[in-house]
Structure formats: C-alpha cells, structure tokens
Amino acid sequence: MRKLALFTLAFSAFIAPATADDSDNRSDETEQVIPPAIVDGQVDPMATEPLDLSEIQITTKTPADEFITATTPLLVALMLGSVGLVVFTLVSQSKKDAAQLD
C-alpha cells in the first residue's frame, strides 16, 4: 500500500506540469476593454425613492450571530441523535454478549 501511494505521488508530480493550463502564455488572445455603462442622463435611478425608516433595524448582531442562532437547535438535535445511536449500539451489543455467556 505504501508503494502504491509513493508511486501515485511520484506519477502526479511528473504529470501535473504537463496537464497544467498554460493560457497565460498564449499569444493569440486579445484583451477586451469594457466601456463604462451609459445611463440615459440619470445619475442614480434609486436616489429618487425616499427611505422608509420603519424598515430600518439597528442591531448588534452580525450575520454570523444570526447563523449560529438559527442552526444551534439543529446541531443539538443531531448531537443527541448521535449519542442516542451510540448508547443504543452499546446496549444492544452488551445484551448479545450477555446472551452468549448464558
């Protein structure tokens, strides 16, 4: 198994440069410049709408805090299910061992 791993590593070291994408070295590519967008005389079309102050929420929670708050019950349920399966497996194995001893 160790020989196979070493062979695979050596093979990938020799074959990787051959299969690498050399698109940076191609001379037939042309550079395209995208012009700035032209809006029909409008500076900011969304600036004409007033702000609705009732929709603004000021909070100290970050998006990571909201994610943790939302996923904590799921993680607790998965942990309890895993512990339950481990306990069930250990109890069922101990019953089989006790039955074999009798």
N, C-alpha and C. Protein backbone atom coordinates (compact mmCIF):
# COMPACT_ATOMS: atom_id res chain seq x y z
N MET A 1 0.82 -1.18 0.00
CA MET A 1 0.00 0.00 0.00
C MET A 1 0.87 1.25 0.00
N ARG A 2 1.96 1.22 0.74
CA ARG A 2 2.86 2.36 0.80
C ARG A 2 3.53 2.59 -0.56
N LYS A 3 3.87 1.49 -1.24
CA LYS A 3 4.49 1.61 -2.55
C LYS A 3 3.53 2.24 -3.55
N LEU A 4 2.26 1.84 -3.45
CA LEU A 4 1.24 2.39 -4.34
C LEU A 4 1.08 3.90 -4.10
N ALA A 5 1.08 4.30 -2.85
CA ALA A 5 0.96 5.72 -2.53
C ALA A 5 2.16 6.50 -3.04
N LEU A 6 3.35 5.98 -2.85
CA LEU A 6 4.54 6.66 -3.33
C LEU A 6 4.56 6.74 -4.86
N PHE A 7 4.13 5.65 -5.52
CA PHE A 7 4.07 5.65 -6.98
C PHE A 7 3.07 6.70 -7.48
N THR A 8 1.91 6.78 -6.83
CA THR A 8 0.89 7.75 -7.23
C THR A 8 1.39 9.17 -7.02
N LEU A 9 2.06 9.41 -5.91
CA LEU A 9 2.60 10.74 -5.64
C LEU A 9 3.66 11.13 -6.67
N ALA A 10 4.56 10.20 -6.98
CA ALA A 10 5.60 10.48 -7.96
C ALA A 10 5.00 10.69 -9.35
N PHE A 11 4.01 9.87 -9.70
CA PHE A 11 3.36 9.99 -11.00
C PHE A 11 2.66 11.34 -11.13
N SER A 12 1.98 11.78 -10.06
CA SER A 12 1.27 13.05 -10.13
C SER A 12 2.25 14.22 -10.18
N ALA A 13 3.42 14.06 -9.57
CA ALA A 13 4.40 15.14 -9.61
C ALA A 13 4.95 15.33 -11.03
N PHE A 14 5.08 14.24 -11.78
CA PHE A 14 5.59 14.35 -13.15
C PHE A 14 4.51 14.72 -14.15
N ILE A 15 3.27 14.30 -13.90
CA ILE A 15 2.22 14.52 -14.88
C ILE A 15 1.54 15.88 -14.69
N ALA A 16 1.59 16.47 -13.49
CA ALA A 16 0.90 17.73 -13.22
C ALA A 16 1.40 18.89 -14.09
N PRO A 17 2.71 19.08 -14.27
CA PRO A 17 3.13 20.18 -15.14
C PRO A 17 2.71 20.00 -16.59
N ALA A 18 2.58 18.76 -17.02
CA ALA A 18 2.20 18.52 -18.40
C ALA A 18 0.74 18.86 -18.66
N THR A 19 -0.10 18.70 -17.65
CA THR A 19 -1.53 18.95 -17.82
C THR A 19 -1.94 20.33 -17.35
N ALA A 20 -1.00 21.14 -16.88
CA ALA A 20 -1.33 22.47 -16.39
C ALA A 20 -1.83 23.35 -17.53
N ASP A 21 -2.71 24.27 -17.21
CA ASP A 21 -3.27 25.17 -18.21
C ASP A 21 -2.28 26.31 -18.43
N ASP A 22 -1.81 26.43 -19.63
CA ASP A 22 -0.84 27.48 -19.94
C ASP A 22 -1.50 28.59 -20.75
N SER A 23 -2.70 28.98 -20.35
CA SER A 23 -3.41 30.02 -21.09
C SER A 23 -2.75 31.38 -20.93
N ASP A 24 -1.93 31.57 -19.89
CA ASP A 24 -1.25 32.85 -19.72
C ASP A 24 -0.18 33.06 -20.79
N ASN A 25 0.32 32.00 -21.36
CA ASN A 25 1.41 32.10 -22.33
C ASN A 25 0.94 32.15 -23.77
N ARG A 26 -0.35 32.13 -24.01
CA ARG A 26 -0.86 32.15 -25.38
C ARG A 26 -0.77 33.56 -25.94
N SER A 27 -0.32 33.67 -27.16
CA SER A 27 -0.18 34.98 -27.78
C SER A 27 -1.37 35.34 -28.67
N ASP A 28 -2.29 34.39 -28.93
CA ASP A 28 -3.41 34.67 -29.81
C ASP A 28 -4.61 35.29 -29.07
N GLU A 29 -4.51 35.46 -27.76
CA GLU A 29 -5.60 36.06 -27.01
C GLU A 29 -5.51 37.58 -27.13
N THR A 30 -6.69 38.21 -27.15
CA THR A 30 -6.73 39.67 -27.21
C THR A 30 -7.37 40.21 -25.94
N GLU A 31 -6.96 41.36 -25.54
CA GLU A 31 -7.50 41.97 -24.34
C GLU A 31 -8.70 42.82 -24.73
N GLN A 32 -9.82 42.62 -24.03
CA GLN A 32 -11.03 43.37 -24.32
C GLN A 32 -11.26 44.37 -23.20
N VAL A 33 -11.53 45.58 -23.57
CA VAL A 33 -11.83 46.63 -22.61
C VAL A 33 -13.32 46.90 -22.66
N ILE A 34 -13.95 46.80 -21.49
CA ILE A 34 -15.39 47.04 -21.42
C ILE A 34 -15.62 48.51 -21.10
N PRO A 35 -16.36 49.22 -21.94
CA PRO A 35 -16.58 50.65 -21.69
C PRO A 35 -17.53 50.84 -20.51
N PRO A 36 -17.50 52.01 -19.89
CA PRO A 36 -18.43 52.28 -18.78
C PRO A 36 -19.86 52.32 -19.28
N ALA A 37 -20.77 51.93 -18.43
CA ALA A 37 -22.18 51.90 -18.80
C ALA A 37 -22.73 53.32 -18.92
N ILE A 38 -23.58 53.50 -19.88
CA ILE A 38 -24.17 54.81 -20.09
C ILE A 38 -25.64 54.73 -19.69
N VAL A 39 -26.02 55.53 -18.70
CA VAL A 39 -27.41 55.60 -18.28
C VAL A 39 -27.99 56.87 -18.88
N ASP A 40 -29.22 56.81 -19.32
CA ASP A 40 -29.84 57.93 -20.05
C ASP A 40 -29.95 59.18 -19.19
N GLY A 41 -28.84 59.82 -18.92
CA GLY A 41 -28.86 61.07 -18.18
C GLY A 41 -29.16 60.94 -16.71
N GLN A 42 -29.35 59.73 -16.20
CA GLN A 42 -29.69 59.53 -14.80
C GLN A 42 -28.42 59.26 -14.01
N VAL A 43 -28.27 59.95 -12.94
CA VAL A 43 -27.11 59.74 -12.09
C VAL A 43 -27.33 58.52 -11.21
N ASP A 44 -28.45 58.46 -10.51
CA ASP A 44 -28.78 57.34 -9.64
C ASP A 44 -30.29 57.15 -9.67
N PRO A 45 -30.78 56.16 -10.39
CA PRO A 45 -32.24 56.00 -10.50
C PRO A 45 -32.91 55.65 -9.17
N MET A 46 -32.18 55.05 -8.23
CA MET A 46 -32.77 54.66 -6.95
C MET A 46 -32.76 55.82 -5.94
N ALA A 47 -32.09 56.91 -6.23
CA ALA A 47 -31.99 58.03 -5.30
C ALA A 47 -33.29 58.79 -5.17
N THR A 48 -34.22 58.63 -6.09
CA THR A 48 -35.47 59.39 -6.02
C THR A 48 -36.46 58.78 -5.03
N GLU A 49 -36.27 57.52 -4.63
CA GLU A 49 -37.18 56.89 -3.69
C GLU A 49 -36.79 57.26 -2.27
N PRO A 50 -37.75 57.70 -1.46
CA PRO A 50 -37.42 58.06 -0.08
C PRO A 50 -37.18 56.80 0.77
N LEU A 51 -36.43 56.98 1.84
CA LEU A 51 -36.16 55.87 2.76
C LEU A 51 -37.36 55.65 3.67
N ASP A 52 -37.70 54.37 3.87
CA ASP A 52 -38.75 54.02 4.81
C ASP A 52 -38.08 53.70 6.15
N LEU A 53 -38.17 54.62 7.09
CA LEU A 53 -37.46 54.48 8.36
C LEU A 53 -38.02 53.35 9.22
N SER A 54 -39.24 52.91 8.96
CA SER A 54 -39.80 51.82 9.77
C SER A 54 -39.17 50.47 9.43
N GLU A 55 -38.54 50.36 8.25
CA GLU A 55 -37.91 49.10 7.85
C GLU A 55 -36.46 48.99 8.31
N ILE A 56 -35.90 50.05 8.84
CA ILE A 56 -34.50 50.03 9.28
C ILE A 56 -34.42 49.40 10.65
N GLN A 57 -33.57 48.39 10.79
CA GLN A 57 -33.36 47.71 12.07
C GLN A 57 -31.94 47.93 12.52
N ILE A 58 -31.78 48.43 13.73
CA ILE A 58 -30.45 48.63 14.28
C ILE A 58 -30.22 47.52 15.29
N THR A 59 -29.18 46.74 15.08
CA THR A 59 -28.89 45.61 15.96
C THR A 59 -27.39 45.45 16.09
N THR A 60 -26.99 44.76 17.12
CA THR A 60 -25.56 44.49 17.31
C THR A 60 -25.20 43.10 16.83
N LYS A 61 -26.17 42.37 16.32
CA LYS A 61 -25.91 41.02 15.82
C LYS A 61 -25.25 41.08 14.45
N THR A 62 -24.26 40.24 14.28
CA THR A 62 -23.63 40.10 12.98
C THR A 62 -24.32 38.97 12.23
N PRO A 63 -24.10 38.83 10.92
CA PRO A 63 -24.68 37.69 10.21
C PRO A 63 -24.23 36.34 10.78
N ALA A 64 -23.01 36.27 11.31
CA ALA A 64 -22.55 35.02 11.92
C ALA A 64 -23.35 34.70 13.17
N ASP A 65 -23.69 35.72 13.96
CA ASP A 65 -24.51 35.50 15.15
C ASP A 65 -25.90 34.99 14.77
N GLU A 66 -26.47 35.55 13.73
CA GLU A 66 -27.79 35.10 13.28
C GLU A 66 -27.73 33.66 12.77
N PHE A 67 -26.65 33.30 12.09
CA PHE A 67 -26.50 31.94 11.59
C PHE A 67 -26.40 30.95 12.75
N ILE A 68 -25.60 31.28 13.76
CA ILE A 68 -25.45 30.39 14.92
C ILE A 68 -26.77 30.25 15.65
N THR A 69 -27.49 31.34 15.80
CA THR A 69 -28.79 31.29 16.47
C THR A 69 -29.76 30.38 15.72
N ALA A 70 -29.71 30.41 14.42
CA ALA A 70 -30.63 29.61 13.62
C ALA A 70 -30.24 28.14 13.59
N THR A 71 -28.95 27.83 13.61
CA THR A 71 -28.53 26.44 13.45
C THR A 71 -28.27 25.70 14.76
N THR A 72 -28.27 26.38 15.89
CA THR A 72 -27.99 25.72 17.17
C THR A 72 -28.99 24.61 17.47
N PRO A 73 -30.30 24.81 17.33
CA PRO A 73 -31.22 23.70 17.61
C PRO A 73 -30.98 22.48 16.73
N LEU A 74 -30.64 22.71 15.49
CA LEU A 74 -30.36 21.60 14.59
C LEU A 74 -29.12 20.83 15.04
N LEU A 75 -28.08 21.55 15.42
CA LEU A 75 -26.85 20.89 15.87
C LEU A 75 -27.07 20.13 17.17
N VAL A 76 -27.87 20.67 18.08
CA VAL A 76 -28.17 19.97 19.33
C VAL A 76 -28.96 18.70 19.04
N ALA A 77 -29.92 18.77 18.13
CA ALA A 77 -30.70 17.58 17.79
C ALA A 77 -29.82 16.52 17.14
N LEU A 78 -28.92 16.91 16.25
CA LEU A 78 -28.02 15.95 15.63
C LEU A 78 -27.08 15.31 16.65
N MET A 79 -26.60 16.11 17.61
CA MET A 79 -25.72 15.58 18.64
C MET A 79 -26.47 14.58 19.52
N LEU A 80 -27.69 14.92 19.93
CA LEU A 80 -28.46 13.99 20.76
C LEU A 80 -28.81 12.71 20.00
N GLY A 81 -29.09 12.83 18.71
CA GLY A 81 -29.35 11.64 17.92
C GLY A 81 -28.12 10.76 17.81
N SER A 82 -26.96 11.35 17.64
CA SER A 82 -25.73 10.57 17.56
C SER A 82 -25.43 9.88 18.88
N VAL A 83 -25.59 10.60 19.98
CA VAL A 83 -25.36 9.99 21.29
C VAL A 83 -26.37 8.87 21.54
N GLY A 84 -27.60 9.08 21.13
CA GLY A 84 -28.62 8.04 21.27
C GLY A 84 -28.27 6.79 20.49
N LEU A 85 -27.76 6.96 19.27
CA LEU A 85 -27.37 5.79 18.48
C LEU A 85 -26.19 5.05 19.10
N VAL A 86 -25.24 5.79 19.67
CA VAL A 86 -24.10 5.15 20.33
C VAL A 86 -24.57 4.36 21.55
N VAL A 87 -25.45 4.95 22.35
CA VAL A 87 -25.97 4.26 23.54
C VAL A 87 -26.76 3.03 23.11
N PHE A 88 -27.60 3.16 22.10
CA PHE A 88 -28.38 2.02 21.61
C PHE A 88 -27.47 0.89 21.14
N THR A 89 -26.42 1.24 20.41
CA THR A 89 -25.49 0.22 19.92
C THR A 89 -24.78 -0.47 21.06
N LEU A 90 -24.32 0.29 22.04
CA LEU A 90 -23.62 -0.32 23.18
C LEU A 90 -24.54 -1.21 23.98
N VAL A 91 -25.79 -0.79 24.20
CA VAL A 91 -26.74 -1.61 24.96
C VAL A 91 -27.08 -2.89 24.20
N SER A 92 -27.31 -2.77 22.90
CA SER A 92 -27.65 -3.97 22.13
C SER A 92 -26.48 -4.94 22.05
N GLN A 93 -25.25 -4.43 21.99
CA GLN A 93 -24.08 -5.30 21.96
C GLN A 93 -23.87 -5.98 23.32
N SER A 94 -24.14 -5.25 24.40
CA SER A 94 -23.97 -5.86 25.73
C SER A 94 -25.02 -6.94 25.96
N LYS A 95 -26.23 -6.76 25.41
CA LYS A 95 -27.26 -7.80 25.53
C LYS A 95 -26.86 -9.04 24.75
N LYS A 96 -26.25 -8.86 23.56
CA LYS A 96 -25.80 -10.02 22.78
C LYS A 96 -24.68 -10.75 23.51
N ASP A 97 -23.77 -10.00 24.12
CA ASP A 97 -22.67 -10.63 24.85
C ASP A 97 -23.18 -11.36 26.09
N ALA A 98 -24.18 -10.79 26.76
CA ALA A 98 -24.74 -11.44 27.94
C ALA A 98 -25.51 -12.70 27.54
N ALA A 99 -26.16 -12.68 26.39
CA ALA A 99 -26.90 -13.86 25.93
C ALA A 99 -25.94 -14.96 25.52
N GLN A 100 -24.79 -14.63 25.00
CA GLN A 100 -23.81 -15.64 24.60
C GLN A 100 -23.14 -16.28 25.81
N LEU A 101 -23.02 -15.56 26.90
CA LEU A 101 -22.40 -16.09 28.10
C LEU A 101 -23.31 -17.08 28.81
N ASP A 102 -24.62 -16.94 28.66
CA ASP A 102 -25.55 -17.86 29.33
C ASP A 102 -25.62 -19.18 28.69
